[in-house]
Amino acid sequence: MQMLEAQAICGQITVGKLHFYHRETYELVKDSPLTWEQEDERFLWSQRCAVSEMKGLYNRALSELGEDSATIFAIHGMMLEDEDLTRRVRRMIREEGVTAQFAIHTVGEQVMDTFAQMESPYMRARAADIQDITRRMILRLVNIYPDWTLGKDATILVSDTFLPSEVLEMDRRRILGLITTGGSVDSH
């Protein structure tokens, strides 16, 4: 039997089987057989898909959880369309001839590093927001759609962190609790 000790953020106690969640992996290909114009269009397509999905998640969160919880998805939608992020990804595609997913990943890592170095714990926690939006675009480009089926039994889900969109997309009726080994109390 494995016993885990943690800091509760909701003041509740639960007992159940643990399910260790692992994100889907993908190969990050750098060099593209396509022209930079085609890769640029792939990026713009993934951006549009992700923005549309964020609108859907916002509406779902609004109806299920209320406006306070839904706001993060409106913010993610704005972050996806951020001019600096878009310009940097498109420039990397054009100048280096890399795949859209490689450019998104690289620029996303740079932005996450910037947030991680900030003094404010709240701002450091925003690196997860960048991870969430860039991961969503990359998953669309490599044609991966996560399966959130958790099985028939209720479970306590364990991961290093949970991204806001992951939590909303899960079948929360089957989740007794969430345990993270990383993140902070300033995380979503």
Protein backbone atom coordinates (compact mmCIF):
# COMPACT_ATOMS: atom_id res chain seq x y z
CA MET A 1 0.00 0.00 0.00
CA GLN A 2 1.29 3.42 -0.92
CA MET A 3 0.51 6.33 1.40
CA LEU A 4 0.73 9.88 0.13
CA GLU A 5 0.83 12.99 2.27
CA ALA A 6 -0.17 16.35 0.88
CA GLN A 7 -1.38 19.83 1.64
CA ALA A 8 -5.14 20.09 1.19
CA ILE A 9 -6.44 23.20 -0.50
CA CYS A 10 -10.14 22.49 0.03
CA GLY A 11 -10.07 21.10 3.55
CA GLN A 12 -11.66 17.81 2.49
CA ILE A 13 -10.60 14.20 3.00
CA THR A 14 -11.23 11.33 0.60
CA VAL A 15 -10.17 7.73 0.32
CA GLY A 16 -9.96 5.80 -2.91
CA LYS A 17 -7.87 4.08 -5.51
CA LEU A 18 -5.15 6.14 -7.16
CA HIS A 19 -4.93 6.53 -10.92
CA PHE A 20 -1.68 8.03 -12.20
CA TYR A 21 -2.37 10.32 -15.13
CA HIS A 22 0.27 10.65 -17.85
CA ARG A 23 -0.10 13.12 -20.68
CA GLU A 24 0.03 11.88 -24.23
CA THR A 25 3.49 12.03 -25.71
CA TYR A 26 4.37 13.00 -29.21
CA GLU A 27 7.49 13.27 -31.31
CA LEU A 28 8.58 16.85 -31.80
CA VAL A 29 9.85 17.01 -35.38
CA LYS A 30 11.98 20.06 -36.15
CA ASP A 31 12.59 19.97 -39.91
CA SER A 32 9.63 20.29 -42.22
CA PRO A 33 9.22 18.86 -45.71
CA LEU A 34 6.69 21.64 -46.32
CA THR A 35 7.32 25.21 -47.37
CA TRP A 36 7.42 27.83 -44.65
CA GLU A 37 4.13 29.20 -46.04
CA GLN A 38 2.47 25.81 -45.55
CA GLU A 39 3.85 25.53 -42.01
CA ASP A 40 2.67 29.06 -41.29
CA GLU A 41 -0.82 28.08 -42.42
CA ARG A 42 -0.66 24.98 -40.19
CA PHE A 43 0.19 27.22 -37.25
CA LEU A 44 -2.67 29.60 -37.99
CA TRP A 45 -5.05 26.64 -38.33
CA SER A 46 -3.98 25.20 -34.95
CA GLN A 47 -4.36 28.63 -33.38
CA ARG A 48 -7.91 28.98 -34.75
CA CYS A 49 -8.79 25.47 -33.52
CA ALA A 50 -7.44 26.19 -30.05
CA VAL A 51 -9.24 29.55 -29.82
CA SER A 52 -12.50 27.88 -30.85
CA GLU A 53 -11.96 25.13 -28.28
CA MET A 54 -11.28 27.72 -25.56
CA LYS A 55 -14.60 29.41 -26.39
CA GLY A 56 -16.31 26.04 -25.98
CA LEU A 57 -14.52 25.38 -22.68
CA TYR A 58 -15.45 28.87 -21.47
CA ASN A 59 -19.13 28.23 -22.21
CA ARG A 60 -18.99 24.80 -20.57
CA ALA A 61 -17.24 26.16 -17.47
CA LEU A 62 -19.67 29.08 -17.32
CA SER A 63 -22.67 26.75 -17.24
CA GLU A 64 -21.12 24.11 -14.94
CA LEU A 65 -18.93 26.17 -12.59
CA GLY A 66 -19.80 29.84 -12.93
CA GLU A 67 -18.11 32.92 -14.29
CA ASP A 68 -15.17 33.00 -11.86
CA SER A 69 -13.99 29.56 -12.96
CA ALA A 70 -14.77 30.18 -16.64
CA THR A 71 -12.65 33.32 -16.85
CA ILE A 72 -9.41 31.35 -17.23
CA PHE A 73 -10.60 30.00 -20.58
CA ALA A 74 -11.39 33.49 -21.86
CA ILE A 75 -7.87 34.48 -20.79
CA HIS A 76 -6.41 31.44 -22.54
CA GLY A 77 -8.27 32.46 -25.70
CA MET A 78 -6.68 35.91 -25.51
CA MET A 79 -3.24 34.40 -24.83
CA LEU A 80 -3.59 32.22 -27.91
CA GLU A 81 -4.06 35.34 -30.03
CA ASP A 82 -1.30 37.32 -28.32
CA GLU A 83 0.50 39.35 -30.99
CA ASP A 84 3.98 38.77 -29.55
CA LEU A 85 3.51 35.00 -29.27
CA THR A 86 2.04 34.82 -32.78
CA ARG A 87 4.78 37.00 -34.27
CA ARG A 88 7.57 34.97 -32.64
CA VAL A 89 6.17 31.62 -33.78
CA ARG A 90 5.57 32.83 -37.34
CA ARG A 91 9.03 34.40 -37.52
CA MET A 92 10.68 31.17 -36.40
CA ILE A 93 8.73 29.19 -39.01
CA ARG A 94 9.66 31.67 -41.75
CA GLU A 95 13.31 32.21 -40.84
CA GLU A 96 14.29 28.72 -39.67
CA GLY A 97 12.01 26.53 -41.80
CA VAL A 98 10.86 24.50 -38.79
CA THR A 99 7.55 22.74 -38.27
CA ALA A 100 4.73 24.69 -36.70
CA GLN A 101 4.72 22.40 -33.67
CA PHE A 102 8.46 22.85 -33.13
CA ALA A 103 8.10 26.64 -33.30
CA ILE A 104 5.12 26.63 -30.93
CA HIS A 105 6.98 24.40 -28.48
CA THR A 106 10.18 26.47 -28.60
CA VAL A 107 8.49 29.84 -28.20
CA GLY A 108 6.19 28.42 -25.52
CA GLU A 109 9.20 27.15 -23.53
CA GLN A 110 10.82 30.59 -23.75
CA VAL A 111 7.67 32.31 -22.49
CA MET A 112 7.24 29.72 -19.70
CA ASP A 113 10.85 30.33 -18.62
CA THR A 114 10.14 34.05 -18.44
CA PHE A 115 7.14 33.46 -16.16
CA ALA A 116 9.06 30.91 -14.06
CA GLN A 117 11.73 33.52 -13.27
CA MET A 118 9.30 36.16 -12.01
CA GLU A 119 9.28 37.06 -8.31
CA SER A 120 5.55 36.75 -7.82
CA PRO A 121 4.36 33.18 -7.06
CA TYR A 122 1.11 34.03 -8.84
CA MET A 123 2.97 35.07 -12.01
CA ARG A 124 5.27 32.00 -11.84
CA ALA A 125 2.16 29.83 -11.78
CA ARG A 126 1.05 31.39 -15.09
CA ALA A 127 3.65 29.26 -16.87
CA ALA A 128 1.04 26.47 -16.70
CA ASP A 129 -1.32 28.65 -18.76
CA ILE A 130 1.28 28.90 -21.53
CA GLN A 131 1.87 25.15 -21.31
CA ASP A 132 -1.87 24.55 -21.63
CA ILE A 133 -2.39 26.69 -24.74
CA THR A 134 0.78 25.65 -26.57
CA ARG A 135 0.16 21.97 -25.82
CA ARG A 136 -3.37 22.25 -27.22
CA MET A 137 -2.09 23.72 -30.50
CA ILE A 138 0.62 21.06 -30.81
CA LEU A 139 -1.82 18.21 -30.12
CA ARG A 140 -4.04 19.45 -32.94
CA LEU A 141 -1.06 19.60 -35.32
CA VAL A 142 -0.02 16.02 -34.55
CA ASN A 143 -3.64 14.84 -34.59
CA ILE A 144 -3.87 13.73 -30.95
CA TYR A 145 -7.15 14.09 -29.11
CA PRO A 146 -6.78 12.97 -25.47
CA ASP A 147 -9.10 10.27 -24.18
CA TRP A 148 -10.45 11.34 -20.81
CA THR A 149 -12.11 8.03 -20.04
CA LEU A 150 -11.09 7.15 -16.50
CA GLY A 151 -12.83 3.79 -16.19
CA LYS A 152 -15.97 2.80 -14.37
CA ASP A 153 -14.73 3.22 -10.79
CA ALA A 154 -14.33 6.50 -8.98
CA THR A 155 -10.67 7.35 -8.49
CA ILE A 156 -8.21 9.84 -7.07
CA LEU A 157 -6.24 11.20 -10.00
CA VAL A 158 -2.51 11.85 -9.50
CA SER A 159 -0.21 13.85 -11.80
CA ASP A 160 2.69 16.26 -11.66
CA THR A 161 0.25 19.06 -12.48
CA PHE A 162 -3.18 19.44 -14.01
CA LEU A 163 -3.79 22.02 -16.69
CA PRO A 164 -7.07 23.94 -16.49
CA SER A 165 -8.42 22.53 -19.76
CA GLU A 166 -7.54 18.98 -18.70
CA VAL A 167 -9.57 19.25 -15.51
CA LEU A 168 -12.61 20.63 -17.31
CA GLU A 169 -12.48 18.00 -20.06
CA MET A 170 -12.25 15.07 -17.62
CA ASP A 171 -15.30 13.09 -16.58
CA ARG A 172 -15.34 14.65 -13.12
CA ARG A 173 -18.16 12.35 -11.99
CA ARG A 174 -15.49 9.63 -11.70
CA ILE A 175 -12.98 11.74 -9.76
CA LEU A 176 -12.90 11.67 -5.97
CA GLY A 177 -9.94 14.03 -5.79
CA LEU A 178 -6.85 15.37 -7.48
CA ILE A 179 -3.29 15.10 -6.20
CA THR A 180 -0.42 17.01 -7.77
CA THR A 181 3.23 16.47 -7.06
CA GLY A 182 4.10 19.88 -8.51
CA GLY A 183 2.42 23.20 -9.00
CA SER A 184 1.53 25.54 -6.17
CA VAL A 185 -1.41 26.89 -4.25
CA ASP A 186 -1.43 29.69 -6.84
CA SER A 187 -2.13 27.21 -9.62
CA HIS A 188 -5.65 26.92 -10.98
